[in-house]
Amino acid sequence: MESARPLDALNKARNKRVIVDLKNGKQLAGKLNAFDIHINVVLDETEEMVDGQVSRKLGTVFIRGDTIILISAE
């Protein structure tokens, strides 16, 4: 099994839908547009999720990397 670096995994998820869990307990789902070495990310078509349901639509958002706990591909 080949070892991948974290940025490689993010690069594979680019333009795909991801779920981002934040330190403040919020969960955002959207299409991964861009990221940098600090894991700051830009999501398009972003929705805030509460208990697995869409609570509001946010559009394009920038999320600071130090607020992120987890990023997962849907």
PDB file of N, CA and C in Angstrom:
ATOM      1  N   MET A   1       0.847  -1.177   0.000  1.00  0.00           N
ATOM      2  CA  MET A   1       0.000   0.000   0.000  1.00  0.00           C
ATOM      3  C   MET A   1       0.893   1.241   0.000  1.00  0.00           C
ATOM      4  N   GLU A   2       0.594   2.169  -0.923  1.00  0.00           N
ATOM      5  CA  GLU A   2       1.435   3.359  -1.005  1.00  0.00           C
ATOM      6  C   GLU A   2       1.045   4.353   0.078  1.00  0.00           C
ATOM      7  N   SER A   3       2.025   5.055   0.603  1.00  0.00           N
ATOM      8  CA  SER A   3       1.717   6.036   1.642  1.00  0.00           C
ATOM      9  C   SER A   3       1.441   7.380   0.984  1.00  0.00           C
ATOM     10  N   ALA A   4       0.399   8.020   1.439  1.00  0.00           N
ATOM     11  CA  ALA A   4       0.026   9.321   0.891  1.00  0.00           C
ATOM     12  C   ALA A   4       0.211  10.381   1.958  1.00  0.00           C
ATOM     13  N   ARG A   5       0.593  11.556   1.519  1.00  0.00           N
ATOM     14  CA  ARG A   5       0.699  12.684   2.430  1.00  0.00           C
ATOM     15  C   ARG A   5      -0.663  13.348   2.554  1.00  0.00           C
ATOM     16  N   PRO A   6      -0.920  14.047   3.655  1.00  0.00           N
ATOM     17  CA  PRO A   6      -2.227  14.683   3.830  1.00  0.00           C
ATOM     18  C   PRO A   6      -2.626  15.593   2.663  1.00  0.00           C
ATOM     19  N   LEU A   7      -1.685  16.372   2.143  1.00  0.00           N
ATOM     20  CA  LEU A   7      -2.032  17.248   1.034  1.00  0.00           C
ATOM     21  C   LEU A   7      -2.370  16.458  -0.226  1.00  0.00           C
ATOM     22  N   ASP A   8      -1.776  15.273  -0.383  1.00  0.00           N
ATOM     23  CA  ASP A   8      -2.131  14.408  -1.523  1.00  0.00           C
ATOM     24  C   ASP A   8      -3.585  13.966  -1.413  1.00  0.00           C
ATOM     25  N   ALA A   9      -3.999  13.621  -0.201  1.00  0.00           N
ATOM     26  CA  ALA A   9      -5.387  13.195   0.017  1.00  0.00           C
ATOM     27  C   ALA A   9      -6.343  14.340  -0.291  1.00  0.00           C
ATOM     28  N   LEU A  10      -5.999  15.546   0.134  1.00  0.00           N
ATOM     29  CA  LEU A  10      -6.844  16.700  -0.179  1.00  0.00           C
ATOM     30  C   LEU A  10      -6.875  16.964  -1.678  1.00  0.00           C
ATOM     31  N   ASN A  11      -5.739  16.816  -2.318  1.00  0.00           N
ATOM     32  CA  ASN A  11      -5.684  17.039  -3.766  1.00  0.00           C
ATOM     33  C   ASN A  11      -6.596  16.070  -4.505  1.00  0.00           C
ATOM     34  N   LYS A  12      -6.659  14.834  -4.027  1.00  0.00           N
ATOM     35  CA  LYS A  12      -7.546  13.820  -4.620  1.00  0.00           C
ATOM     36  C   LYS A  12      -9.013  14.193  -4.449  1.00  0.00           C
ATOM     37  N   ALA A  13      -9.313  14.909  -3.354  1.00  0.00           N
ATOM     38  CA  ALA A  13     -10.699  15.287  -3.059  1.00  0.00           C
ATOM     39  C   ALA A  13     -11.107  16.605  -3.723  1.00  0.00           C
ATOM     40  N   ARG A  14     -10.173  17.270  -4.390  1.00  0.00           N
ATOM     41  CA  ARG A  14     -10.495  18.558  -5.022  1.00  0.00           C
ATOM     42  C   ARG A  14     -11.634  18.382  -6.028  1.00  0.00           C
ATOM     43  N   ASN A  15     -12.567  19.322  -6.028  1.00  0.00           N
ATOM     44  CA  ASN A  15     -13.762  19.312  -6.889  1.00  0.00           C
ATOM     45  C   ASN A  15     -14.752  18.212  -6.540  1.00  0.00           C
ATOM     46  N   LYS A  16     -14.551  17.556  -5.403  1.00  0.00           N
ATOM     47  CA  LYS A  16     -15.500  16.555  -4.911  1.00  0.00           C
ATOM     48  C   LYS A  16     -16.161  17.100  -3.653  1.00  0.00           C
ATOM     49  N   ARG A  17     -17.285  16.502  -3.296  1.00  0.00           N
ATOM     50  CA  ARG A  17     -18.012  16.940  -2.103  1.00  0.00           C
ATOM     51  C   ARG A  17     -17.335  16.362  -0.862  1.00  0.00           C
ATOM     52  N   VAL A  18     -17.114  17.217   0.134  1.00  0.00           N
ATOM     53  CA  VAL A  18     -16.494  16.805   1.386  1.00  0.00           C
ATOM     54  C   VAL A  18     -17.333  17.309   2.560  1.00  0.00           C
ATOM     55  N   ILE A  19     -17.125  16.685   3.705  1.00  0.00           N
ATOM     56  CA  ILE A  19     -17.736  17.134   4.954  1.00  0.00           C
ATOM     57  C   ILE A  19     -16.600  17.610   5.853  1.00  0.00           C
ATOM     58  N   VAL A  20     -16.764  18.801   6.431  1.00  0.00           N
ATOM     59  CA  VAL A  20     -15.743  19.380   7.302  1.00  0.00           C
ATOM     60  C   VAL A  20     -16.340  19.547   8.695  1.00  0.00           C
ATOM     61  N   ASP A  21     -15.723  18.918   9.691  1.00  0.00           N
ATOM     62  CA  ASP A  21     -16.127  19.087  11.091  1.00  0.00           C
ATOM     63  C   ASP A  21     -15.234  20.142  11.720  1.00  0.00           C
ATOM     64  N   LEU A  22     -15.862  21.111  12.401  1.00  0.00           N
ATOM     65  CA  LEU A  22     -15.125  22.222  12.988  1.00  0.00           C
ATOM     66  C   LEU A  22     -15.039  22.102  14.508  1.00  0.00           C
ATOM     67  N   LYS A  23     -14.056  22.761  15.087  1.00  0.00           N
ATOM     68  CA  LYS A  23     -13.850  22.727  16.541  1.00  0.00           C
ATOM     69  C   LYS A  23     -15.048  23.275  17.307  1.00  0.00           C
ATOM     70  N   ASN A  24     -15.825  24.190  16.698  1.00  0.00           N
ATOM     71  CA  ASN A  24     -16.979  24.772  17.384  1.00  0.00           C
ATOM     72  C   ASN A  24     -18.211  23.874  17.324  1.00  0.00           C
ATOM     73  N   GLY A  25     -18.056  22.647  16.789  1.00  0.00           N
ATOM     74  CA  GLY A  25     -19.166  21.698  16.736  1.00  0.00           C
ATOM     75  C   GLY A  25     -19.983  21.766  15.460  1.00  0.00           C
ATOM     76  N   LYS A  26     -19.714  22.740  14.614  1.00  0.00           N
ATOM     77  CA  LYS A  26     -20.461  22.850  13.355  1.00  0.00           C
ATOM     78  C   LYS A  26     -19.922  21.856  12.332  1.00  0.00           C
ATOM     79  N   GLN A  27     -20.788  21.515  11.378  1.00  0.00           N
ATOM     80  CA  GLN A  27     -20.403  20.613  10.303  1.00  0.00           C
ATOM     81  C   GLN A  27     -20.821  21.260   8.988  1.00  0.00           C
ATOM     82  N   LEU A  28     -19.874  21.366   8.064  1.00  0.00           N
ATOM     83  CA  LEU A  28     -20.144  21.964   6.765  1.00  0.00           C
ATOM     84  C   LEU A  28     -19.912  20.931   5.678  1.00  0.00           C
ATOM     85  N   ALA A  29     -20.753  20.958   4.643  1.00  0.00           N
ATOM     86  CA  ALA A  29     -20.587  20.070   3.495  1.00  0.00           C
ATOM     87  C   ALA A  29     -20.551  20.936   2.247  1.00  0.00           C
ATOM     88  N   GLY A  30     -19.605  20.640   1.358  1.00  0.00           N
ATOM     89  CA  GLY A  30     -19.508  21.406   0.123  1.00  0.00           C
ATOM     90  C   GLY A  30     -18.455  20.823  -0.791  1.00  0.00           C
ATOM     91  N   LYS A  31     -18.314  21.435  -1.954  1.00  0.00           N
ATOM     92  CA  LYS A  31     -17.342  20.977  -2.941  1.00  0.00           C
ATOM     93  C   LYS A  31     -16.003  21.650  -2.663  1.00  0.00           C
ATOM     94  N   LEU A  32     -14.964  20.845  -2.465  1.00  0.00           N
ATOM     95  CA  LEU A  32     -13.623  21.362  -2.160  1.00  0.00           C
ATOM     96  C   LEU A  32     -13.068  22.063  -3.391  1.00  0.00           C
ATOM     97  N   ASN A  33     -12.893  23.370  -3.269  1.00  0.00           N
ATOM     98  CA  ASN A  33     -12.397  24.173  -4.385  1.00  0.00           C
ATOM     99  C   ASN A  33     -10.888  24.332  -4.299  1.00  0.00           C
ATOM    100  N   ALA A  34     -10.383  24.726  -3.114  1.00  0.00           N
ATOM    101  CA  ALA A  34      -8.952  25.010  -2.967  1.00  0.00           C
ATOM    102  C   ALA A  34      -8.526  24.811  -1.525  1.00  0.00           C
ATOM    103  N   PHE A  35      -7.188  24.677  -1.334  1.00  0.00           N
ATOM    104  CA  PHE A  35      -6.608  24.550   0.005  1.00  0.00           C
ATOM    105  C   PHE A  35      -5.152  24.967  -0.076  1.00  0.00           C
ATOM    106  N   ASP A  36      -4.543  25.201   1.094  1.00  0.00           N
ATOM    107  CA  ASP A  36      -3.126  25.544   1.118  1.00  0.00           C
ATOM    108  C   ASP A  36      -2.395  24.675   2.140  1.00  0.00           C
ATOM    109  N   ILE A  37      -1.134  24.959   2.368  1.00  0.00           N
ATOM    110  CA  ILE A  37      -0.334  24.116   3.257  1.00  0.00           C
ATOM    111  C   ILE A  37      -0.778  24.202   4.711  1.00  0.00           C
ATOM    112  N   HIS A  38      -1.560  25.232   5.047  1.00  0.00           N
ATOM    113  CA  HIS A  38      -2.079  25.374   6.411  1.00  0.00           C
ATOM    114  C   HIS A  38      -3.450  24.689   6.563  1.00  0.00           C
ATOM    115  N   ILE A  39      -3.892  24.012   5.507  1.00  0.00           N
ATOM    116  CA  ILE A  39      -5.204  23.357   5.436  1.00  0.00           C
ATOM    117  C   ILE A  39      -6.337  24.376   5.557  1.00  0.00           C
ATOM    118  N   ASN A  40      -6.051  25.647   5.221  1.00  0.00           N
ATOM    119  CA  ASN A  40      -7.146  26.582   4.991  1.00  0.00           C
ATOM    120  C   ASN A  40      -7.847  26.062   3.747  1.00  0.00           C
ATOM    121  N   VAL A  41      -9.173  26.030   3.752  1.00  0.00           N
ATOM    122  CA  VAL A  41      -9.890  25.473   2.603  1.00  0.00           C
ATOM    123  C   VAL A  41     -10.963  26.431   2.120  1.00  0.00           C
ATOM    124  N   VAL A  42     -11.266  26.326   0.824  1.00  0.00           N
ATOM    125  CA  VAL A  42     -12.383  27.040   0.219  1.00  0.00           C
ATOM    126  C   VAL A  42     -13.362  25.979  -0.275  1.00  0.00           C
ATOM    127  N   LEU A  43     -14.615  26.080   0.177  1.00  0.00           N
ATOM    128  CA  LEU A  43     -15.682  25.179  -0.275  1.00  0.00           C
ATOM    129  C   LEU A  43     -16.690  25.972  -1.090  1.00  0.00           C
ATOM    130  N   ASP A  44     -17.171  25.386  -2.164  1.00  0.00           N
ATOM    131  CA  ASP A  44     -18.257  25.950  -2.960  1.00  0.00           C
ATOM    132  C   ASP A  44     -19.536  25.173  -2.661  1.00  0.00           C
ATOM    133  N   GLU A  45     -20.683  25.811  -2.933  1.00  0.00           N
ATOM    134  CA  GLU A  45     -21.991  25.161  -2.738  1.00  0.00           C
ATOM    135  C   GLU A  45     -22.103  24.604  -1.316  1.00  0.00           C
ATOM    136  N   THR A  46     -21.623  25.378  -0.349  1.00  0.00           N
ATOM    137  CA  THR A  46     -21.526  24.920   1.036  1.00  0.00           C
ATOM    138  C   THR A  46     -22.867  24.962   1.751  1.00  0.00           C
ATOM    139  N   GLU A  47     -23.104  23.936   2.555  1.00  0.00           N
ATOM    140  CA  GLU A  47     -24.308  23.853   3.387  1.00  0.00           C
ATOM    141  C   GLU A  47     -23.881  23.535   4.815  1.00  0.00           C
ATOM    142  N   GLU A  48     -24.522  24.197   5.773  1.00  0.00           N
ATOM    143  CA  GLU A  48     -24.294  23.862   7.177  1.00  0.00           C
ATOM    144  C   GLU A  48     -25.228  22.710   7.526  1.00  0.00           C
ATOM    145  N   MET A  49     -24.675  21.681   8.167  1.00  0.00           N
ATOM    146  CA  MET A  49     -25.448  20.485   8.501  1.00  0.00           C
ATOM    147  C   MET A  49     -25.682  20.421  10.011  1.00  0.00           C
ATOM    148  N   VAL A  50     -26.917  20.060  10.391  1.00  0.00           N
ATOM    149  CA  VAL A  50     -27.250  19.826  11.788  1.00  0.00           C
ATOM    150  C   VAL A  50     -27.995  18.501  11.834  1.00  0.00           C
ATOM    151  N   ASP A  51     -27.453  17.540  12.580  1.00  0.00           N
ATOM    152  CA  ASP A  51     -28.040  16.193  12.682  1.00  0.00           C
ATOM    153  C   ASP A  51     -28.260  15.568  11.307  1.00  0.00           C
ATOM    154  N   GLY A  52     -27.300  15.785  10.397  1.00  0.00           N
ATOM    155  CA  GLY A  52     -27.371  15.170   9.077  1.00  0.00           C
ATOM    156  C   GLY A  52     -28.313  15.855   8.102  1.00  0.00           C
ATOM    157  N   GLN A  53     -28.957  16.934   8.527  1.00  0.00           N
ATOM    158  CA  GLN A  53     -29.886  17.662   7.658  1.00  0.00           C
ATOM    159  C   GLN A  53     -29.329  19.058   7.371  1.00  0.00           C
ATOM    160  N   VAL A  54     -29.638  19.584   6.191  1.00  0.00           N
ATOM    161  CA  VAL A  54     -29.185  20.928   5.821  1.00  0.00           C
ATOM    162  C   VAL A  54     -29.934  21.954   6.668  1.00  0.00           C
ATOM    163  N   SER A  55     -29.179  22.796   7.400  1.00  0.00           N
ATOM    164  CA  SER A  55     -29.844  23.836   8.189  1.00  0.00           C
ATOM    165  C   SER A  55     -29.809  25.180   7.469  1.00  0.00           C
ATOM    166  N   ARG A  56     -28.756  25.425   6.673  1.00  0.00           N
ATOM    167  CA  ARG A  56     -28.731  26.638   5.848  1.00  0.00           C
ATOM    168  C   ARG A  56     -27.686  26.507   4.755  1.00  0.00           C
ATOM    169  N   LYS A  57     -27.916  27.240   3.675  1.00  0.00           N
ATOM    170  CA  LYS A  57     -26.996  27.246   2.542  1.00  0.00           C
ATOM    171  C   LYS A  57     -26.096  28.467   2.662  1.00  0.00           C
ATOM    172  N   LEU A  58     -24.778  28.250   2.483  1.00  0.00           N
ATOM    173  CA  LEU A  58     -23.809  29.316   2.683  1.00  0.00           C
ATOM    174  C   LEU A  58     -23.096  29.741   1.399  1.00  0.00           C
ATOM    175  N   GLY A  59     -23.169  28.966   0.347  1.00  0.00           N
ATOM    176  CA  GLY A  59     -22.460  29.315  -0.895  1.00  0.00           C
ATOM    177  C   GLY A  59     -20.976  29.016  -0.774  1.00  0.00           C
ATOM    178  N   THR A  60     -20.146  29.966  -1.206  1.00  0.00           N
ATOM    179  CA  THR A  60     -18.689  29.800  -1.145  1.00  0.00           C
ATOM    180  C   THR A  60     -18.180  30.298   0.205  1.00  0.00           C
ATOM    181  N   VAL A  61     -17.386  29.467   0.877  1.00  0.00           N
ATOM    182  CA  VAL A  61     -16.848  29.838   2.187  1.00  0.00           C
ATOM    183  C   VAL A  61     -15.349  29.545   2.252  1.00  0.00           C
ATOM    184  N   PHE A  62     -14.661  30.330   3.077  1.00  0.00           N
ATOM    185  CA  PHE A  62     -13.254  30.116   3.406  1.00  0.00           C
ATOM    186  C   PHE A  62     -13.208  29.650   4.854  1.00  0.00           C
ATOM    187  N   ILE A  63     -12.519  28.550   5.120  1.00  0.00           N
ATOM    188  CA  ILE A  63     -12.423  28.013   6.481  1.00  0.00           C
ATOM    189  C   ILE A  63     -10.954  27.981   6.878  1.00  0.00           C
ATOM    190  N   ARG A  64     -10.636  28.611   8.000  1.00  0.00           N
ATOM    191  CA  ARG A  64      -9.254  28.585   8.499  1.00  0.00           C
ATOM    192  C   ARG A  64      -8.890  27.171   8.933  1.00  0.00           C
ATOM    193  N   GLY A  65      -7.700  26.736   8.557  1.00  0.00           N
ATOM    194  CA  GLY A  65      -7.250  25.389   8.864  1.00  0.00           C
ATOM    195  C   GLY A  65      -7.198  25.076  10.346  1.00  0.00           C
ATOM    196  N   ASP A  66      -6.905  26.083  11.194  1.00  0.00           N
ATOM    197  CA  ASP A  66      -6.796  25.799  12.628  1.00  0.00           C
ATOM    198  C   ASP A  66      -8.151  25.626  13.305  1.00  0.00           C
ATOM    199  N   THR A  67      -9.255  25.787  12.563  1.00  0.00           N
ATOM    200  CA  THR A  67     -10.587  25.546  13.128  1.00  0.00           C
ATOM    201  C   THR A  67     -11.133  24.167  12.740  1.00  0.00           C
ATOM    202  N   ILE A  68     -10.392  23.448  11.884  1.00  0.00           N
ATOM    203  CA  ILE A  68     -10.867  22.177  11.331  1.00  0.00           C
ATOM    204  C   ILE A  68     -10.392  20.998  12.188  1.00  0.00           C
ATOM    205  N   ILE A  69     -11.325  20.084  12.498  1.00  0.00           N
ATOM    206  CA  ILE A  69     -10.978  18.839  13.168  1.00  0.00           C
ATOM    207  C   ILE A  69     -10.778  17.733  12.139  1.00  0.00           C
ATOM    208  N   LEU A  70     -11.710  17.654  11.163  1.00  0.00           N
ATOM    209  CA  LEU A  70     -11.713  16.526  10.245  1.00  0.00           C
ATOM    210  C   LEU A  70     -12.286  16.937   8.904  1.00  0.00           C
ATOM    211  N   ILE A  71     -11.726  16.391   7.830  1.00  0.00           N
ATOM    212  CA  ILE A  71     -12.291  16.545   6.489  1.00  0.00           C
ATOM    213  C   ILE A  71     -12.498  15.145   5.936  1.00  0.00           C
ATOM    214  N   SER A  72     -13.717  14.843   5.501  1.00  0.00           N
ATOM    215  CA  SER A  72     -13.970  13.519   4.937  1.00  0.00           C
ATOM    216  C   SER A  72     -14.702  13.641   3.612  1.00  0.00           C
ATOM    217  N   ALA A  73     -14.374  12.728   2.694  1.00  0.00           N
ATOM    218  CA  ALA A  73     -15.047  12.701   1.399  1.00  0.00           C
ATOM    219  C   ALA A  73     -16.369  11.962   1.566  1.00  0.00           C
ATOM    220  N   GLU A  74     -17.397  12.469   0.904  1.00  0.00           N
ATOM    221  CA  GLU A  74     -18.711  11.812   1.004  1.00  0.00           C
ATOM    222  C   GLU A  74     -18.745  10.578   0.140  1.00  0.00           C
TER     223      GLU A  74
END
